[in-house]
């Protein structure tokens, strides 16, 4: 119920498990989620970071999956 109210008010989506996934590079897990992170919420409610719109394509965060075709950081 809480998540639905926030989402409809355009306040985002509350994460049940806000810590970064264990599959991310160590340095990224230590710093936590960052502004510009793009990802999906998995079945367990954990945010799975796909890439960050502010980081260059060669950033370690992007190595597991890469970035979208023609990606340009902001």
PDB file of N, CA and C in Angstrom:
ATOM      1  N   UNK A   1       0.830  -1.185   0.000  1.00  0.00           N
ATOM      2  CA  UNK A   1       0.000   0.000   0.000  1.00  0.00           C
ATOM      3  C   UNK A   1       0.883   1.260   0.000  1.00  0.00           C
ATOM      4  N   UNK A   2       1.904   1.266   0.842  1.00  0.00           N
ATOM      5  CA  UNK A   2       2.795   2.425   0.940  1.00  0.00           C
ATOM      6  C   UNK A   2       3.457   2.722  -0.402  1.00  0.00           C
ATOM      7  N   UNK A   3       3.968   1.668  -1.052  1.00  0.00           N
ATOM      8  CA  UNK A   3       4.642   1.836  -2.342  1.00  0.00           C
ATOM      9  C   UNK A   3       3.692   2.409  -3.382  1.00  0.00           C
ATOM     10  N   UNK A   4       2.478   1.936  -3.427  1.00  0.00           N
ATOM     11  CA  UNK A   4       1.500   2.413  -4.406  1.00  0.00           C
ATOM     12  C   UNK A   4       1.197   3.896  -4.197  1.00  0.00           C
ATOM     13  N   UNK A   5       1.084   4.328  -2.944  1.00  0.00           N
ATOM     14  CA  UNK A   5       0.797   5.741  -2.655  1.00  0.00           C
ATOM     15  C   UNK A   5       1.953   6.639  -3.099  1.00  0.00           C
ATOM     16  N   UNK A   6       3.175   6.228  -2.825  1.00  0.00           N
ATOM     17  CA  UNK A   6       4.337   7.022  -3.228  1.00  0.00           C
ATOM     18  C   UNK A   6       4.457   7.090  -4.743  1.00  0.00           C
ATOM     19  N   UNK A   7       4.247   5.967  -5.392  1.00  0.00           N
ATOM     20  CA  UNK A   7       4.399   5.906  -6.841  1.00  0.00           C
ATOM     21  C   UNK A   7       3.379   6.800  -7.533  1.00  0.00           C
ATOM     22  N   UNK A   8       2.145   6.787  -7.081  1.00  0.00           N
ATOM     23  CA  UNK A   8       1.116   7.613  -7.706  1.00  0.00           C
ATOM     24  C   UNK A   8       1.314   9.104  -7.425  1.00  0.00           C
ATOM     25  N   UNK A   9       2.025   9.422  -6.359  1.00  0.00           N
ATOM     26  CA  UNK A   9       2.302  10.817  -6.029  1.00  0.00           C
ATOM     27  C   UNK A   9       3.593  11.304  -6.686  1.00  0.00           C
ATOM     28  N   UNK A  10       4.211  10.461  -7.520  1.00  0.00           N
ATOM     29  CA  UNK A  10       5.481  10.780  -8.195  1.00  0.00           C
ATOM     30  C   UNK A  10       6.625  11.039  -7.221  1.00  0.00           C
ATOM     31  N   UNK A  11       6.644  10.317  -6.108  1.00  0.00           N
ATOM     32  CA  UNK A  11       7.732  10.415  -5.142  1.00  0.00           C
ATOM     33  C   UNK A  11       8.703   9.248  -5.247  1.00  0.00           C
ATOM     34  N   UNK A  12       8.575   8.434  -6.283  1.00  0.00           N
ATOM     35  CA  UNK A  12       9.487   7.307  -6.459  1.00  0.00           C
ATOM     36  C   UNK A  12       8.911   6.018  -5.917  1.00  0.00           C
ATOM     37  N   UNK A  13       9.782   5.052  -5.733  1.00  0.00           N
ATOM     38  CA  UNK A  13       9.393   3.724  -5.271  1.00  0.00           C
ATOM     39  C   UNK A  13      10.288   3.340  -4.100  1.00  0.00           C
ATOM     40  N   UNK A  14       9.707   3.073  -2.929  1.00  0.00           N
ATOM     41  CA  UNK A  14      10.536   2.720  -1.777  1.00  0.00           C
ATOM     42  C   UNK A  14      11.144   1.332  -1.957  1.00  0.00           C
ATOM     43  N   UNK A  15      12.412   1.192  -1.650  1.00  0.00           N
ATOM     44  CA  UNK A  15      13.087  -0.086  -1.796  1.00  0.00           C
ATOM     45  C   UNK A  15      13.012  -0.878  -0.499  1.00  0.00           C
ATOM     46  N   UNK A  16      12.603  -2.120  -0.621  1.00  0.00           N
ATOM     47  CA  UNK A  16      12.533  -2.987   0.547  1.00  0.00           C
ATOM     48  C   UNK A  16      13.939  -3.336   1.041  1.00  0.00           C
ATOM     49  N   UNK A  17      14.863  -3.483   0.115  1.00  0.00           N
ATOM     50  CA  UNK A  17      16.262  -3.781   0.448  1.00  0.00           C
ATOM     51  C   UNK A  17      17.119  -2.724  -0.252  1.00  0.00           C
ATOM     52  N   UNK A  18      17.321  -1.546   0.344  1.00  0.00           N
ATOM     53  CA  UNK A  18      18.002  -0.451  -0.351  1.00  0.00           C
ATOM     54  C   UNK A  18      19.501  -0.618  -0.540  1.00  0.00           C
ATOM     55  N   UNK A  19      20.099  -1.646   0.042  1.00  0.00           N
ATOM     56  CA  UNK A  19      21.535  -1.815  -0.166  1.00  0.00           C
ATOM     57  C   UNK A  19      21.807  -2.348  -1.576  1.00  0.00           C
ATOM     58  N   UNK A  20      22.941  -1.975  -2.160  1.00  0.00           N
ATOM     59  CA  UNK A  20      23.280  -2.452  -3.504  1.00  0.00           C
ATOM     60  C   UNK A  20      23.433  -3.971  -3.531  1.00  0.00           C
ATOM     61  N   UNK A  21      23.192  -4.561  -4.683  1.00  0.00           N
ATOM     62  CA  UNK A  21      23.297  -6.010  -4.833  1.00  0.00           C
ATOM     63  C   UNK A  21      24.733  -6.476  -4.637  1.00  0.00           C
ATOM     64  N   UNK A  22      24.882  -7.683  -4.150  1.00  0.00           N
ATOM     65  CA  UNK A  22      26.210  -8.242  -3.864  1.00  0.00           C
ATOM     66  C   UNK A  22      27.011  -8.521  -5.130  1.00  0.00           C
ATOM     67  N   UNK A  23      26.395  -8.477  -6.291  1.00  0.00           N
ATOM     68  CA  UNK A  23      27.106  -8.741  -7.547  1.00  0.00           C
ATOM     69  C   UNK A  23      27.830  -7.513  -8.088  1.00  0.00           C
ATOM     70  N   UNK A  24      27.604  -6.359  -7.489  1.00  0.00           N
ATOM     71  CA  UNK A  24      28.277  -5.137  -7.935  1.00  0.00           C
ATOM     72  C   UNK A  24      29.726  -5.124  -7.452  1.00  0.00           C
ATOM     73  N   UNK A  25      30.595  -4.346  -8.124  1.00  0.00           N
ATOM     74  CA  UNK A  25      31.990  -4.231  -7.667  1.00  0.00           C
ATOM     75  C   UNK A  25      32.056  -3.744  -6.214  1.00  0.00           C
ATOM     76  N   UNK A  26      33.062  -4.205  -5.473  1.00  0.00           N
ATOM     77  CA  UNK A  26      33.200  -3.872  -4.045  1.00  0.00           C
ATOM     78  C   UNK A  26      33.137  -2.377  -3.778  1.00  0.00           C
ATOM     79  N   UNK A  27      33.900  -1.585  -4.549  1.00  0.00           N
ATOM     80  CA  UNK A  27      33.941  -0.141  -4.286  1.00  0.00           C
ATOM     81  C   UNK A  27      32.559   0.496  -4.471  1.00  0.00           C
ATOM     82  N   UNK A  28      31.767  -0.058  -5.359  1.00  0.00           N
ATOM     83  CA  UNK A  28      30.434   0.502  -5.594  1.00  0.00           C
ATOM     84  C   UNK A  28      29.489   0.121  -4.462  1.00  0.00           C
ATOM     85  N   UNK A  29      29.594  -1.106  -3.968  1.00  0.00           N
ATOM     86  CA  UNK A  29      28.748  -1.523  -2.845  1.00  0.00           C
ATOM     87  C   UNK A  29      29.057  -0.705  -1.603  1.00  0.00           C
ATOM     88  N   UNK A  30      30.321  -0.375  -1.402  1.00  0.00           N
ATOM     89  CA  UNK A  30      30.726   0.403  -0.228  1.00  0.00           C
ATOM     90  C   UNK A  30      30.152   1.811  -0.263  1.00  0.00           C
ATOM     91  N   UNK A  31      30.058   2.420  -1.443  1.00  0.00           N
ATOM     92  CA  UNK A  31      29.549   3.787  -1.544  1.00  0.00           C
ATOM     93  C   UNK A  31      28.024   3.831  -1.606  1.00  0.00           C
ATOM     94  N   UNK A  32      27.393   2.737  -1.969  1.00  0.00           N
ATOM     95  CA  UNK A  32      25.928   2.667  -2.016  1.00  0.00           C
ATOM     96  C   UNK A  32      25.352   3.174  -3.320  1.00  0.00           C
ATOM     97  N   UNK A  33      24.046   3.145  -3.396  1.00  0.00           N
ATOM     98  CA  UNK A  33      23.359   3.622  -4.597  1.00  0.00           C
ATOM     99  C   UNK A  33      23.644   5.096  -4.793  1.00  0.00           C
ATOM    100  N   UNK A  34      23.688   5.509  -6.062  1.00  0.00           N
ATOM    101  CA  UNK A  34      24.059   6.882  -6.377  1.00  0.00           C
ATOM    102  C   UNK A  34      23.033   7.522  -7.306  1.00  0.00           C
ATOM    103  N   UNK A  35      22.993   8.841  -7.286  1.00  0.00           N
ATOM    104  CA  UNK A  35      22.140   9.570  -8.215  1.00  0.00           C
ATOM    105  C   UNK A  35      22.580   9.205  -9.626  1.00  0.00           C
ATOM    106  N   UNK A  36      21.633   8.892 -10.479  1.00  0.00           N
ATOM    107  CA  UNK A  36      21.927   8.512 -11.852  1.00  0.00           C
ATOM    108  C   UNK A  36      21.887   7.014 -12.093  1.00  0.00           C
ATOM    109  N   UNK A  37      21.764   6.215 -11.008  1.00  0.00           N
ATOM    110  CA  UNK A  37      21.675   4.771 -11.176  1.00  0.00           C
ATOM    111  C   UNK A  37      20.366   4.412 -11.873  1.00  0.00           C
ATOM    112  N   UNK A  38      20.463   3.557 -12.863  1.00  0.00           N
ATOM    113  CA  UNK A  38      19.294   3.068 -13.594  1.00  0.00           C
ATOM    114  C   UNK A  38      19.262   1.568 -13.382  1.00  0.00           C
ATOM    115  N   UNK A  39      18.103   1.042 -13.045  1.00  0.00           N
ATOM    116  CA  UNK A  39      18.015  -0.387 -12.808  1.00  0.00           C
ATOM    117  C   UNK A  39      16.589  -0.853 -12.660  1.00  0.00           C
ATOM    118  N   UNK A  40      16.449  -2.040 -12.116  1.00  0.00           N
ATOM    119  CA  UNK A  40      15.138  -2.651 -11.911  1.00  0.00           C
ATOM    120  C   UNK A  40      15.045  -3.166 -10.480  1.00  0.00           C
ATOM    121  N   UNK A  41      13.828  -3.274  -9.980  1.00  0.00           N
ATOM    122  CA  UNK A  41      13.586  -3.866  -8.675  1.00  0.00           C
ATOM    123  C   UNK A  41      13.293  -5.343  -8.916  1.00  0.00           C
ATOM    124  N   UNK A  42      14.081  -6.222  -8.281  1.00  0.00           N
ATOM    125  CA  UNK A  42      13.892  -7.658  -8.500  1.00  0.00           C
ATOM    126  C   UNK A  42      12.754  -8.198  -7.631  1.00  0.00           C
ATOM    127  N   UNK A  43      12.517  -9.486  -7.715  1.00  0.00           N
ATOM    128  CA  UNK A  43      11.402 -10.124  -6.990  1.00  0.00           C
ATOM    129  C   UNK A  43      11.515  -9.983  -5.483  1.00  0.00           C
ATOM    130  N   UNK A  44      12.745  -9.878  -4.983  1.00  0.00           N
ATOM    131  CA  UNK A  44      12.952  -9.740  -3.539  1.00  0.00           C
ATOM    132  C   UNK A  44      12.873  -8.285  -3.079  1.00  0.00           C
ATOM    133  N   UNK A  45      12.686  -7.358  -4.013  1.00  0.00           N
ATOM    134  CA  UNK A  45      12.596  -5.953  -3.665  1.00  0.00           C
ATOM    135  C   UNK A  45      13.940  -5.249  -3.619  1.00  0.00           C
ATOM    136  N   UNK A  46      14.974  -5.894  -4.144  1.00  0.00           N
ATOM    137  CA  UNK A  46      16.307  -5.299  -4.160  1.00  0.00           C
ATOM    138  C   UNK A  46      16.535  -4.603  -5.501  1.00  0.00           C
ATOM    139  N   UNK A  47      17.181  -3.441  -5.463  1.00  0.00           N
ATOM    140  CA  UNK A  47      17.438  -2.663  -6.672  1.00  0.00           C
ATOM    141  C   UNK A  47      18.665  -3.208  -7.376  1.00  0.00           C
ATOM    142  N   UNK A  48      18.495  -3.641  -8.607  1.00  0.00           N
ATOM    143  CA  UNK A  48      19.569  -4.195  -9.421  1.00  0.00           C
ATOM    144  C   UNK A  48      20.036  -3.103 -10.384  1.00  0.00           C
ATOM    145  N   UNK A  49      21.214  -2.544 -10.122  1.00  0.00           N
ATOM    146  CA  UNK A  49      21.749  -1.445 -10.937  1.00  0.00           C
ATOM    147  C   UNK A  49      22.213  -1.986 -12.285  1.00  0.00           C
ATOM    148  N   UNK A  50      21.725  -1.371 -13.360  1.00  0.00           N
ATOM    149  CA  UNK A  50      22.138  -1.751 -14.707  1.00  0.00           C
ATOM    150  C   UNK A  50      23.279  -0.866 -15.203  1.00  0.00           C
ATOM    151  N   UNK A  51      23.132   0.454 -14.983  1.00  0.00           N
ATOM    152  CA  UNK A  51      24.189   1.399 -15.356  1.00  0.00           C
ATOM    153  C   UNK A  51      23.878   2.727 -14.686  1.00  0.00           C
ATOM    154  N   UNK A  52      24.792   3.678 -14.824  1.00  0.00           N
ATOM    155  CA  UNK A  52      24.596   5.005 -14.250  1.00  0.00           C
ATOM    156  C   UNK A  52      24.724   6.027 -15.375  1.00  0.00           C
ATOM    157  N   UNK A  53      23.753   6.933 -15.481  1.00  0.00           N
ATOM    158  CA  UNK A  53      23.707   7.882 -16.592  1.00  0.00           C
ATOM    159  C   UNK A  53      24.829   8.922 -16.546  1.00  0.00           C
ATOM    160  N   UNK A  54      25.499   9.055 -15.408  1.00  0.00           N
ATOM    161  CA  UNK A  54      26.561  10.044 -15.273  1.00  0.00           C
ATOM    162  C   UNK A  54      27.963   9.462 -15.450  1.00  0.00           C
ATOM    163  N   UNK A  55      28.086   8.145 -15.479  1.00  0.00           N
ATOM    164  CA  UNK A  55      29.402   7.509 -15.551  1.00  0.00           C
ATOM    165  C   UNK A  55      29.735   7.106 -16.984  1.00  0.00           C
ATOM    166  N   UNK A  56      31.018   7.196 -17.324  1.00  0.00           N
ATOM    167  CA  UNK A  56      31.467   6.838 -18.675  1.00  0.00           C
ATOM    168  C   UNK A  56      31.261   5.348 -18.937  1.00  0.00           C
ATOM    169  N   UNK A  57      31.231   4.995 -20.189  1.00  0.00           N
ATOM    170  CA  UNK A  57      31.006   3.606 -20.590  1.00  0.00           C
ATOM    171  C   UNK A  57      32.051   2.647 -20.010  1.00  0.00           C
ATOM    172  N   UNK A  58      33.288   3.122 -19.828  1.00  0.00           N
ATOM    173  CA  UNK A  58      34.356   2.249 -19.334  1.00  0.00           C
ATOM    174  C   UNK A  58      34.409   2.136 -17.809  1.00  0.00           C
ATOM    175  N   UNK A  59      33.441   2.707 -17.089  1.00  0.00           N
ATOM    176  CA  UNK A  59      33.386   2.618 -15.637  1.00  0.00           C
ATOM    177  C   UNK A  59      33.188   1.161 -15.218  1.00  0.00           C
ATOM    178  N   UNK A  60      33.826   0.750 -14.121  1.00  0.00           N
ATOM    179  CA  UNK A  60      33.716  -0.637 -13.650  1.00  0.00           C
ATOM    180  C   UNK A  60      32.283  -1.071 -13.392  1.00  0.00           C
ATOM    181  N   UNK A  61      31.433  -0.165 -12.996  1.00  0.00           N
ATOM    182  CA  UNK A  61      30.030  -0.495 -12.749  1.00  0.00           C
ATOM    183  C   UNK A  61      29.386  -1.094 -13.995  1.00  0.00           C
ATOM    184  N   UNK A  62      29.788  -0.627 -15.154  1.00  0.00           N
ATOM    185  CA  UNK A  62      29.156  -1.043 -16.403  1.00  0.00           C
ATOM    186  C   UNK A  62      29.717  -2.344 -16.973  1.00  0.00           C
ATOM    187  N   UNK A  63      30.808  -2.865 -16.422  1.00  0.00           N
ATOM    188  CA  UNK A  63      31.463  -4.037 -17.000  1.00  0.00           C
ATOM    189  C   UNK A  63      30.601  -5.297 -17.022  1.00  0.00           C
ATOM    190  N   UNK A  64      29.828  -5.604 -15.983  1.00  0.00           N
ATOM    191  CA  UNK A  64      29.079  -6.866 -16.052  1.00  0.00           C
ATOM    192  C   UNK A  64      28.079  -6.936 -17.215  1.00  0.00           C
ATOM    193  N   UNK A  65      27.400  -5.827 -17.510  1.00  0.00           N
ATOM    194  CA  UNK A  65      26.334  -5.851 -18.509  1.00  0.00           C
ATOM    195  C   UNK A  65      26.550  -4.908 -19.680  1.00  0.00           C
ATOM    196  N   UNK A  66      27.400  -3.935 -19.498  1.00  0.00           N
ATOM    197  CA  UNK A  66      27.573  -2.929 -20.534  1.00  0.00           C
ATOM    198  C   UNK A  66      26.518  -1.838 -20.407  1.00  0.00           C
ATOM    199  N   UNK A  67      26.455  -0.979 -21.391  1.00  0.00           N
ATOM    200  CA  UNK A  67      25.494   0.133 -21.409  1.00  0.00           C
ATOM    201  C   UNK A  67      24.662   0.035 -22.683  1.00  0.00           C
ATOM    202  N   UNK A  68      23.553   0.777 -22.760  1.00  0.00           N
ATOM    203  CA  UNK A  68      22.736   0.741 -23.977  1.00  0.00           C
ATOM    204  C   UNK A  68      23.525   1.211 -25.201  1.00  0.00           C
ATOM    205  N   UNK A  69      23.105   0.749 -26.355  1.00  0.00           N
ATOM    206  CA  UNK A  69      23.733   1.140 -27.620  1.00  0.00           C
ATOM    207  C   UNK A  69      23.672   2.660 -27.755  1.00  0.00           C
ATOM    208  N   UNK A  70      24.743   3.269 -28.243  1.00  0.00           N
ATOM    209  CA  UNK A  70      24.861   4.713 -28.423  1.00  0.00           C
ATOM    210  C   UNK A  70      24.798   5.501 -27.113  1.00  0.00           C
ATOM    211  N   UNK A  71      25.125   4.861 -25.996  1.00  0.00           N
ATOM    212  CA  UNK A  71      25.087   5.512 -24.688  1.00  0.00           C
ATOM    213  C   UNK A  71      26.083   6.657 -24.631  1.00  0.00           C
ATOM    214  N   UNK A  72      25.650   7.779 -24.098  1.00  0.00           N
ATOM    215  CA  UNK A  72      26.493   8.942 -23.835  1.00  0.00           C
ATOM    216  C   UNK A  72      26.170   9.419 -22.419  1.00  0.00           C
ATOM    217  N   UNK A  73      27.165   9.492 -21.522  1.00  0.00           N
ATOM    218  CA  UNK A  73      26.874   9.976 -20.161  1.00  0.00           C
ATOM    219  C   UNK A  73      26.426  11.427 -20.188  1.00  0.00           C
ATOM    220  N   UNK A  74      25.651  11.778 -19.209  1.00  0.00           N
ATOM    221  CA  UNK A  74      25.155  13.161 -19.092  1.00  0.00           C
ATOM    222  C   UNK A  74      26.202  13.991 -18.388  1.00  0.00           C
TER     223      UNK A  74
END
